[in-house]
Amino acid sequence: MEDISCSIKHGNSLDRLKRIEGQVKGIVRMVEQDKYCIDIINQISAVKGALNQVALLILQNHVESCVSEAVKNADEQEKEEKIEEFIDTVKKFVK
């Protein structure tokens, strides 16, 4: 589900994702160059942490814009849908 107002704040997330993309490319090079396994795992761990932070940032932006807007201005059904969507997303994230 795409909402134009929800995508406005994704600039910072996009910058972070591009940095993560660079980190992943670095990991690929490490594997190709047969680097020490523990060093590779440490880099993978760093990427996982960075991805979690981006996900939390996007989730926060979603709550502050989309969910908040729906709660203030939407009809009851849309409010329930946004809240249910948010809860489902959090459940997926914490798995």
PDB file of N, CA and C in Angstrom:
ATOM      1  N   MET A   1       0.849  -1.166   0.000  1.00  0.00           N
ATOM      2  CA  MET A   1       0.000   0.000   0.000  1.00  0.00           C
ATOM      3  C   MET A   1       0.901   1.237   0.000  1.00  0.00           C
ATOM      4  N   GLU A   2       0.754   2.082  -1.013  1.00  0.00           N
ATOM      5  CA  GLU A   2       1.607   3.263  -1.118  1.00  0.00           C
ATOM      6  C   GLU A   2       0.787   4.502  -0.854  1.00  0.00           C
ATOM      7  N   ASP A   3       1.360   5.416  -0.114  1.00  0.00           N
ATOM      8  CA  ASP A   3       0.721   6.679   0.197  1.00  0.00           C
ATOM      9  C   ASP A   3       1.767   7.753  -0.008  1.00  0.00           C
ATOM     10  N   ILE A   4       1.476   8.736  -0.850  1.00  0.00           N
ATOM     11  CA  ILE A   4       2.467   9.758  -1.185  1.00  0.00           C
ATOM     12  C   ILE A   4       2.964  10.463   0.062  1.00  0.00           C
ATOM     13  N   SER A   5       2.066  10.815   0.986  1.00  0.00           N
ATOM     14  CA  SER A   5       2.488  11.524   2.186  1.00  0.00           C
ATOM     15  C   SER A   5       3.411  10.678   3.051  1.00  0.00           C
ATOM     16  N   CYS A   6       3.293   9.359   2.952  1.00  0.00           N
ATOM     17  CA  CYS A   6       4.131   8.474   3.755  1.00  0.00           C
ATOM     18  C   CYS A   6       5.548   8.376   3.209  1.00  0.00           C
ATOM     19  N   SER A   7       5.727   8.663   1.932  1.00  0.00           N
ATOM     20  CA  SER A   7       7.048   8.495   1.339  1.00  0.00           C
ATOM     21  C   SER A   7       7.904   9.751   1.436  1.00  0.00           C
ATOM     22  N   ILE A   8       7.344  10.839   1.906  1.00  0.00           N
ATOM     23  CA  ILE A   8       8.062  12.108   1.950  1.00  0.00           C
ATOM     24  C   ILE A   8       9.309  12.036   2.824  1.00  0.00           C
ATOM     25  N   LYS A   9       9.265  11.352   3.939  1.00  0.00           N
ATOM     26  CA  LYS A   9      10.360  11.345   4.903  1.00  0.00           C
ATOM     27  C   LYS A   9      11.385  10.242   4.666  1.00  0.00           C
ATOM     28  N   HIS A  10      11.346   9.571   3.527  1.00  0.00           N
ATOM     29  CA  HIS A  10      12.232   8.435   3.305  1.00  0.00           C
ATOM     30  C   HIS A  10      13.634   8.824   2.840  1.00  0.00           C
ATOM     31  N   GLY A  11      13.916  10.108   2.677  1.00  0.00           N
ATOM     32  CA  GLY A  11      15.233  10.527   2.204  1.00  0.00           C
ATOM     33  C   GLY A  11      16.364  10.031   3.080  1.00  0.00           C
ATOM     34  N   ASN A  12      16.254  10.205   4.387  1.00  0.00           N
ATOM     35  CA  ASN A  12      17.285   9.754   5.321  1.00  0.00           C
ATOM     36  C   ASN A  12      17.428   8.238   5.277  1.00  0.00           C
ATOM     37  N   SER A  13      16.314   7.542   5.164  1.00  0.00           N
ATOM     38  CA  SER A  13      16.353   6.083   5.076  1.00  0.00           C
ATOM     39  C   SER A  13      17.057   5.642   3.809  1.00  0.00           C
ATOM     40  N   LEU A  14      16.806   6.343   2.726  1.00  0.00           N
ATOM     41  CA  LEU A  14      17.435   6.000   1.458  1.00  0.00           C
ATOM     42  C   LEU A  14      18.948   6.164   1.547  1.00  0.00           C
ATOM     43  N   ASP A  15      19.398   7.237   2.165  1.00  0.00           N
ATOM     44  CA  ASP A  15      20.847   7.436   2.358  1.00  0.00           C
ATOM     45  C   ASP A  15      21.447   6.286   3.159  1.00  0.00           C
ATOM     46  N   ARG A  16      20.771   5.891   4.214  1.00  0.00           N
ATOM     47  CA  ARG A  16      21.264   4.785   5.041  1.00  0.00           C
ATOM     48  C   ARG A  16      21.290   3.477   4.260  1.00  0.00           C
ATOM     49  N   LEU A  17      20.250   3.247   3.464  1.00  0.00           N
ATOM     50  CA  LEU A  17      20.199   2.019   2.669  1.00  0.00           C
ATOM     51  C   LEU A  17      21.315   1.973   1.629  1.00  0.00           C
ATOM     52  N   LYS A  18      21.651   3.118   1.075  1.00  0.00           N
ATOM     53  CA  LYS A  18      22.759   3.155   0.112  1.00  0.00           C
ATOM     54  C   LYS A  18      24.081   2.831   0.804  1.00  0.00           C
ATOM     55  N   ARG A  19      24.234   3.301   2.037  1.00  0.00           N
ATOM     56  CA  ARG A  19      25.430   2.959   2.812  1.00  0.00           C
ATOM     57  C   ARG A  19      25.477   1.459   3.084  1.00  0.00           C
ATOM     58  N   ILE A  20      24.342   0.907   3.434  1.00  0.00           N
ATOM     59  CA  ILE A  20      24.255  -0.536   3.689  1.00  0.00           C
ATOM     60  C   ILE A  20      24.568  -1.311   2.415  1.00  0.00           C
ATOM     61  N   GLU A  21      24.083  -0.822   1.301  1.00  0.00           N
ATOM     62  CA  GLU A  21      24.387  -1.462   0.018  1.00  0.00           C
ATOM     63  C   GLU A  21      25.901  -1.528  -0.193  1.00  0.00           C
ATOM     64  N   GLY A  22      26.587  -0.453   0.142  1.00  0.00           N
ATOM     65  CA  GLY A  22      28.047  -0.446   0.045  1.00  0.00           C
ATOM     66  C   GLY A  22      28.677  -1.463   0.982  1.00  0.00           C
ATOM     67  N   GLN A  23      28.125  -1.580   2.184  1.00  0.00           N
ATOM     68  CA  GLN A  23      28.635  -2.568   3.133  1.00  0.00           C
ATOM     69  C   GLN A  23      28.448  -3.985   2.599  1.00  0.00           C
ATOM     70  N   VAL A  24      27.295  -4.251   2.000  1.00  0.00           N
ATOM     71  CA  VAL A  24      27.025  -5.586   1.459  1.00  0.00           C
ATOM     72  C   VAL A  24      27.986  -5.887   0.313  1.00  0.00           C
ATOM     73  N   LYS A  25      28.233  -4.907  -0.532  1.00  0.00           N
ATOM     74  CA  LYS A  25      29.201  -5.104  -1.618  1.00  0.00           C
ATOM     75  C   LYS A  25      30.587  -5.406  -1.045  1.00  0.00           C
ATOM     76  N   GLY A  26      30.915  -4.757   0.060  1.00  0.00           N
ATOM     77  CA  GLY A  26      32.182  -5.037   0.734  1.00  0.00           C
ATOM     78  C   GLY A  26      32.240  -6.465   1.254  1.00  0.00           C
ATOM     79  N   ILE A  27      31.134  -6.946   1.763  1.00  0.00           N
ATOM     80  CA  ILE A  27      31.075  -8.333   2.242  1.00  0.00           C
ATOM     81  C   ILE A  27      31.265  -9.299   1.080  1.00  0.00           C
ATOM     82  N   VAL A  28      30.645  -9.005  -0.044  1.00  0.00           N
ATOM     83  CA  VAL A  28      30.813  -9.855  -1.230  1.00  0.00           C
ATOM     84  C   VAL A  28      32.289  -9.920  -1.611  1.00  0.00           C
ATOM     85  N   ARG A  29      32.955  -8.774  -1.598  1.00  0.00           N
ATOM     86  CA  ARG A  29      34.392  -8.756  -1.917  1.00  0.00           C
ATOM     87  C   ARG A  29      35.190  -9.576  -0.911  1.00  0.00           C
ATOM     88  N   MET A  30      34.814  -9.466   0.359  1.00  0.00           N
ATOM     89  CA  MET A  30      35.510 -10.238   1.387  1.00  0.00           C
ATOM     90  C   MET A  30      35.386 -11.734   1.115  1.00  0.00           C
ATOM     91  N   VAL A  31      34.186 -12.172   0.753  1.00  0.00           N
ATOM     92  CA  VAL A  31      33.969 -13.591   0.457  1.00  0.00           C
ATOM     93  C   VAL A  31      34.764 -13.988  -0.781  1.00  0.00           C
ATOM     94  N   GLU A  32      34.716 -13.153  -1.805  1.00  0.00           N
ATOM     95  CA  GLU A  32      35.452 -13.445  -3.039  1.00  0.00           C
ATOM     96  C   GLU A  32      36.958 -13.535  -2.791  1.00  0.00           C
ATOM     97  N   GLN A  33      37.439 -12.752  -1.835  1.00  0.00           N
ATOM     98  CA  GLN A  33      38.873 -12.726  -1.534  1.00  0.00           C
ATOM     99  C   GLN A  33      39.252 -13.709  -0.432  1.00  0.00           C
ATOM    100  N   ASP A  34      38.326 -14.547  -0.045  1.00  0.00           N
ATOM    101  CA  ASP A  34      38.574 -15.555   0.987  1.00  0.00           C
ATOM    102  C   ASP A  34      39.082 -14.959   2.301  1.00  0.00           C
ATOM    103  N   LYS A  35      38.457 -13.877   2.734  1.00  0.00           N
ATOM    104  CA  LYS A  35      38.852 -13.248   3.999  1.00  0.00           C
ATOM    105  C   LYS A  35      38.454 -14.146   5.168  1.00  0.00           C
ATOM    106  N   TYR A  36      38.974 -13.821   6.314  1.00  0.00           N
ATOM    107  CA  TYR A  36      38.739 -14.576   7.537  1.00  0.00           C
ATOM    108  C   TYR A  36      37.240 -14.614   7.856  1.00  0.00           C
ATOM    109  N   CYS A  37      36.722 -15.812   8.095  1.00  0.00           N
ATOM    110  CA  CYS A  37      35.278 -16.024   8.292  1.00  0.00           C
ATOM    111  C   CYS A  37      34.691 -15.138   9.393  1.00  0.00           C
ATOM    112  N   ILE A  38      35.399 -15.012  10.483  1.00  0.00           N
ATOM    113  CA  ILE A  38      34.887 -14.214  11.604  1.00  0.00           C
ATOM    114  C   ILE A  38      34.754 -12.753  11.196  1.00  0.00           C
ATOM    115  N   ASP A  39      35.683 -12.246  10.404  1.00  0.00           N
ATOM    116  CA  ASP A  39      35.585 -10.867   9.917  1.00  0.00           C
ATOM    117  C   ASP A  39      34.349 -10.695   9.035  1.00  0.00           C
ATOM    118  N   ILE A  40      34.073 -11.685   8.214  1.00  0.00           N
ATOM    119  CA  ILE A  40      32.885 -11.636   7.353  1.00  0.00           C
ATOM    120  C   ILE A  40      31.619 -11.643   8.206  1.00  0.00           C
ATOM    121  N   ILE A  41      31.573 -12.535   9.182  1.00  0.00           N
ATOM    122  CA  ILE A  41      30.407 -12.615  10.074  1.00  0.00           C
ATOM    123  C   ILE A  41      30.213 -11.301  10.822  1.00  0.00           C
ATOM    124  N   ASN A  42      31.294 -10.693  11.280  1.00  0.00           N
ATOM    125  CA  ASN A  42      31.193  -9.407  11.973  1.00  0.00           C
ATOM    126  C   ASN A  42      30.594  -8.337  11.066  1.00  0.00           C
ATOM    127  N   GLN A  43      30.980  -8.330   9.806  1.00  0.00           N
ATOM    128  CA  GLN A  43      30.427  -7.358   8.863  1.00  0.00           C
ATOM    129  C   GLN A  43      28.949  -7.639   8.588  1.00  0.00           C
ATOM    130  N   ILE A  44      28.602  -8.904   8.481  1.00  0.00           N
ATOM    131  CA  ILE A  44      27.194  -9.270   8.289  1.00  0.00           C
ATOM    132  C   ILE A  44      26.367  -8.816   9.489  1.00  0.00           C
ATOM    133  N   SER A  45      26.910  -8.996  10.674  1.00  0.00           N
ATOM    134  CA  SER A  45      26.226  -8.558  11.886  1.00  0.00           C
ATOM    135  C   SER A  45      26.008  -7.044  11.872  1.00  0.00           C
ATOM    136  N   ALA A  46      27.005  -6.306  11.419  1.00  0.00           N
ATOM    137  CA  ALA A  46      26.883  -4.849  11.334  1.00  0.00           C
ATOM    138  C   ALA A  46      25.781  -4.455  10.352  1.00  0.00           C
ATOM    139  N   VAL A  47      25.705  -5.157   9.230  1.00  0.00           N
ATOM    140  CA  VAL A  47      24.671  -4.868   8.234  1.00  0.00           C
ATOM    141  C   VAL A  47      23.286  -5.173   8.802  1.00  0.00           C
ATOM    142  N   LYS A  48      23.154  -6.290   9.502  1.00  0.00           N
ATOM    143  CA  LYS A  48      21.866  -6.627  10.113  1.00  0.00           C
ATOM    144  C   LYS A  48      21.430  -5.532  11.081  1.00  0.00           C
ATOM    145  N   GLY A  49      22.360  -5.061  11.889  1.00  0.00           N
ATOM    146  CA  GLY A  49      22.038  -3.993  12.828  1.00  0.00           C
ATOM    147  C   GLY A  49      21.625  -2.714  12.118  1.00  0.00           C
ATOM    148  N   ALA A  50      22.344  -2.380  11.055  1.00  0.00           N
ATOM    149  CA  ALA A  50      22.016  -1.178  10.290  1.00  0.00           C
ATOM    150  C   ALA A  50      20.646  -1.304   9.629  1.00  0.00           C
ATOM    151  N   LEU A  51      20.340  -2.481   9.090  1.00  0.00           N
ATOM    152  CA  LEU A  51      19.021  -2.699   8.485  1.00  0.00           C
ATOM    153  C   LEU A  51      17.911  -2.580   9.525  1.00  0.00           C
ATOM    154  N   ASN A  52      18.145  -3.110  10.715  1.00  0.00           N
ATOM    155  CA  ASN A  52      17.148  -2.983  11.782  1.00  0.00           C
ATOM    156  C   ASN A  52      16.900  -1.521  12.124  1.00  0.00           C
ATOM    157  N   GLN A  53      17.964  -0.730  12.170  1.00  0.00           N
ATOM    158  CA  GLN A  53      17.812   0.694  12.477  1.00  0.00           C
ATOM    159  C   GLN A  53      17.023   1.421  11.392  1.00  0.00           C
ATOM    160  N   VAL A  54      17.280   1.086  10.134  1.00  0.00           N
ATOM    161  CA  VAL A  54      16.522   1.698   9.034  1.00  0.00           C
ATOM    162  C   VAL A  54      15.054   1.286   9.117  1.00  0.00           C
ATOM    163  N   ALA A  55      14.815   0.025   9.393  1.00  0.00           N
ATOM    164  CA  ALA A  55      13.433  -0.443   9.513  1.00  0.00           C
ATOM    165  C   ALA A  55      12.704   0.305  10.627  1.00  0.00           C
ATOM    166  N   LEU A  56      13.370   0.498  11.745  1.00  0.00           N
ATOM    167  CA  LEU A  56      12.750   1.239  12.850  1.00  0.00           C
ATOM    168  C   LEU A  56      12.484   2.688  12.469  1.00  0.00           C
ATOM    169  N   LEU A  57      13.411   3.297  11.741  1.00  0.00           N
ATOM    170  CA  LEU A  57      13.229   4.677  11.291  1.00  0.00           C
ATOM    171  C   LEU A  57      12.024   4.784  10.354  1.00  0.00           C
ATOM    172  N   ILE A  58      11.925   3.853   9.415  1.00  0.00           N
ATOM    173  CA  ILE A  58      10.792   3.858   8.489  1.00  0.00           C
ATOM    174  C   ILE A  58       9.490   3.606   9.240  1.00  0.00           C
ATOM    175  N   LEU A  59       9.515   2.700  10.186  1.00  0.00           N
ATOM    176  CA  LEU A  59       8.327   2.418  10.989  1.00  0.00           C
ATOM    177  C   LEU A  59       7.914   3.647  11.798  1.00  0.00           C
ATOM    178  N   GLN A  60       8.879   4.319  12.379  1.00  0.00           N
ATOM    179  CA  GLN A  60       8.594   5.540  13.134  1.00  0.00           C
ATOM    180  C   GLN A  60       7.978   6.599  12.226  1.00  0.00           C
ATOM    181  N   ASN A  61       8.567   6.801  11.051  1.00  0.00           N
ATOM    182  CA  ASN A  61       8.013   7.773  10.109  1.00  0.00           C
ATOM    183  C   ASN A  61       6.593   7.399   9.705  1.00  0.00           C
ATOM    184  N   HIS A  62       6.359   6.118   9.538  1.00  0.00           N
ATOM    185  CA  HIS A  62       5.025   5.651   9.158  1.00  0.00           C
ATOM    186  C   HIS A  62       4.006   5.987  10.251  1.00  0.00           C
ATOM    187  N   VAL A  63       4.378   5.736  11.490  1.00  0.00           N
ATOM    188  CA  VAL A  63       3.465   6.036  12.598  1.00  0.00           C
ATOM    189  C   VAL A  63       3.225   7.539  12.698  1.00  0.00           C
ATOM    190  N   GLU A  64       4.298   8.323  12.570  1.00  0.00           N
ATOM    191  CA  GLU A  64       4.173   9.774  12.715  1.00  0.00           C
ATOM    192  C   GLU A  64       3.405  10.421  11.570  1.00  0.00           C
ATOM    193  N   SER A  65       3.384   9.785  10.407  1.00  0.00           N
ATOM    194  CA  SER A  65       2.672  10.391   9.282  1.00  0.00           C
ATOM    195  C   SER A  65       1.397   9.620   8.960  1.00  0.00           C
ATOM    196  N   CYS A  66       1.524   8.449   8.411  1.00  0.00           N
ATOM    197  CA  CYS A  66       0.367   7.702   7.893  1.00  0.00           C
ATOM    198  C   CYS A  66      -0.614   7.289   8.985  1.00  0.00           C
ATOM    199  N   VAL A  67      -0.122   6.640  10.010  1.00  0.00           N
ATOM    200  CA  VAL A  67      -1.013   6.149  11.064  1.00  0.00           C
ATOM    201  C   VAL A  67      -1.617   7.325  11.821  1.00  0.00           C
ATOM    202  N   SER A  68      -0.793   8.298  12.150  1.00  0.00           N
ATOM    203  CA  SER A  68      -1.280   9.468  12.865  1.00  0.00           C
ATOM    204  C   SER A  68      -2.357  10.199  12.065  1.00  0.00           C
ATOM    205  N   GLU A  69      -2.110  10.364  10.774  1.00  0.00           N
ATOM    206  CA  GLU A  69      -3.086  11.029   9.903  1.00  0.00           C
ATOM    207  C   GLU A  69      -4.397  10.250   9.844  1.00  0.00           C
ATOM    208  N   ALA A  70      -4.299   8.943   9.739  1.00  0.00           N
ATOM    209  CA  ALA A  70      -5.508   8.114   9.686  1.00  0.00           C
ATOM    210  C   ALA A  70      -6.297   8.209  10.983  1.00  0.00           C
ATOM    211  N   VAL A  71      -5.596   8.205  12.107  1.00  0.00           N
ATOM    212  CA  VAL A  71      -6.276   8.277  13.401  1.00  0.00           C
ATOM    213  C   VAL A  71      -6.980   9.625  13.561  1.00  0.00           C
ATOM    214  N   LYS A  72      -6.359  10.685  13.063  1.00  0.00           N
ATOM    215  CA  LYS A  72      -6.959  12.017  13.193  1.00  0.00           C
ATOM    216  C   LYS A  72      -8.116  12.240  12.227  1.00  0.00           C
ATOM    217  N   ASN A  73      -7.948  11.806  10.976  1.00  0.00           N
ATOM    218  CA  ASN A  73      -8.859  12.262   9.931  1.00  0.00           C
ATOM    219  C   ASN A  73      -9.666  11.185   9.215  1.00  0.00           C
ATOM    220  N   ALA A  74      -9.343   9.950   9.401  1.00  0.00           N
ATOM    221  CA  ALA A  74      -9.989   8.901   8.605  1.00  0.00           C
ATOM    222  C   ALA A  74     -11.269   8.408   9.267  1.00  0.00           C
ATOM    223  N   ASP A  75     -12.034   7.690   8.468  1.00  0.00           N
ATOM    224  CA  ASP A  75     -13.219   7.061   9.043  1.00  0.00           C
ATOM    225  C   ASP A  75     -12.784   5.864   9.892  1.00  0.00           C
ATOM    226  N   GLU A  76     -13.715   5.318  10.614  1.00  0.00           N
ATOM    227  CA  GLU A  76     -13.400   4.252  11.579  1.00  0.00           C
ATOM    228  C   GLU A  76     -12.760   3.036  10.916  1.00  0.00           C
ATOM    229  N   GLN A  77     -13.239   2.662   9.742  1.00  0.00           N
ATOM    230  CA  GLN A  77     -12.692   1.490   9.048  1.00  0.00           C
ATOM    231  C   GLN A  77     -11.233   1.714   8.648  1.00  0.00           C
ATOM    232  N   GLU A  78     -10.927   2.894   8.117  1.00  0.00           N
ATOM    233  CA  GLU A  78      -9.541   3.174   7.721  1.00  0.00           C
ATOM    234  C   GLU A  78      -8.623   3.214   8.938  1.00  0.00           C
ATOM    235  N   LYS A  79      -9.116   3.764  10.041  1.00  0.00           N
ATOM    236  CA  LYS A  79      -8.332   3.771  11.279  1.00  0.00           C
ATOM    237  C   LYS A  79      -7.975   2.346  11.685  1.00  0.00           C
ATOM    238  N   GLU A  80      -8.978   1.488  11.700  1.00  0.00           N
ATOM    239  CA  GLU A  80      -8.751   0.096  12.087  1.00  0.00           C
ATOM    240  C   GLU A  80      -7.783  -0.595  11.134  1.00  0.00           C
ATOM    241  N   GLU A  81      -7.910  -0.315   9.835  1.00  0.00           N
ATOM    242  CA  GLU A  81      -7.018  -0.920   8.846  1.00  0.00           C
ATOM    243  C   GLU A  81      -5.571  -0.481   9.063  1.00  0.00           C
ATOM    244  N   LYS A  82      -5.365   0.818   9.306  1.00  0.00           N
ATOM    245  CA  LYS A  82      -4.006   1.327   9.524  1.00  0.00           C
ATOM    246  C   LYS A  82      -3.396   0.738  10.790  1.00  0.00           C
ATOM    247  N   ILE A  83      -4.180   0.656  11.840  1.00  0.00           N
ATOM    248  CA  ILE A  83      -3.677   0.099  13.092  1.00  0.00           C
ATOM    249  C   ILE A  83      -3.363  -1.381  12.929  1.00  0.00           C
ATOM    250  N   GLU A  84      -4.240  -2.115  12.265  1.00  0.00           N
ATOM    251  CA  GLU A  84      -4.002  -3.539  12.026  1.00  0.00           C
ATOM    252  C   GLU A  84      -2.762  -3.744  11.148  1.00  0.00           C
ATOM    253  N   GLU A  85      -2.622  -2.921  10.129  1.00  0.00           N
ATOM    254  CA  GLU A  85      -1.449  -2.995   9.256  1.00  0.00           C
ATOM    255  C   GLU A  85      -0.169  -2.752  10.060  1.00  0.00           C
ATOM    256  N   PHE A  86      -0.206  -1.760  10.939  1.00  0.00           N
ATOM    257  CA  PHE A  86       0.947  -1.446  11.780  1.00  0.00           C
ATOM    258  C   PHE A  86       1.293  -2.618  12.695  1.00  0.00           C
ATOM    259  N   ILE A  87       0.302  -3.177  13.346  1.00  0.00           N
ATOM    260  CA  ILE A  87       0.532  -4.302  14.256  1.00  0.00           C
ATOM    261  C   ILE A  87       1.097  -5.498  13.504  1.00  0.00           C
ATOM    262  N   ASP A  88       0.547  -5.801  12.332  1.00  0.00           N
ATOM    263  CA  ASP A  88       1.061  -6.910  11.517  1.00  0.00           C
ATOM    264  C   ASP A  88       2.518  -6.681  11.125  1.00  0.00           C
ATOM    265  N   THR A  89       2.843  -5.450  10.787  1.00  0.00           N
ATOM    266  CA  THR A  89       4.218  -5.121  10.398  1.00  0.00           C
ATOM    267  C   THR A  89       5.170  -5.283  11.572  1.00  0.00           C
ATOM    268  N   VAL A  90       4.767  -4.829  12.744  1.00  0.00           N
ATOM    269  CA  VAL A  90       5.612  -4.983  13.936  1.00  0.00           C
ATOM    270  C   VAL A  90       5.820  -6.462  14.242  1.00  0.00           C
ATOM    271  N   LYS A  91       4.781  -7.258  14.112  1.00  0.00           N
ATOM    272  CA  LYS A  91       4.912  -8.703  14.354  1.00  0.00           C
ATOM    273  C   LYS A  91       5.933  -9.326  13.414  1.00  0.00           C
ATOM    274  N   LYS A  92       5.887  -8.952  12.138  1.00  0.00           N
ATOM    275  CA  LYS A  92       6.855  -9.473  11.168  1.00  0.00           C
ATOM    276  C   LYS A  92       8.268  -9.027  11.521  1.00  0.00           C
ATOM    277  N   PHE A  93       8.395  -7.791  11.947  1.00  0.00           N
ATOM    278  CA  PHE A  93       9.708  -7.224  12.242  1.00  0.00           C
ATOM    279  C   PHE A  93      10.372  -7.902  13.433  1.00  0.00           C
ATOM    280  N   VAL A  94       9.609  -8.234  14.444  1.00  0.00           N
ATOM    281  CA  VAL A  94      10.205  -8.793  15.659  1.00  0.00           C
ATOM    282  C   VAL A  94      10.422 -10.296  15.599  1.00  0.00           C
ATOM    283  N   LYS A  95      10.009 -10.946  14.528  1.00  0.00           N
ATOM    284  CA  LYS A  95      10.228 -12.396  14.387  1.00  0.00           C
ATOM    285  C   LYS A  95      11.694 -12.715  14.341  1.00  0.00           C
TER     286      LYS A  95
END
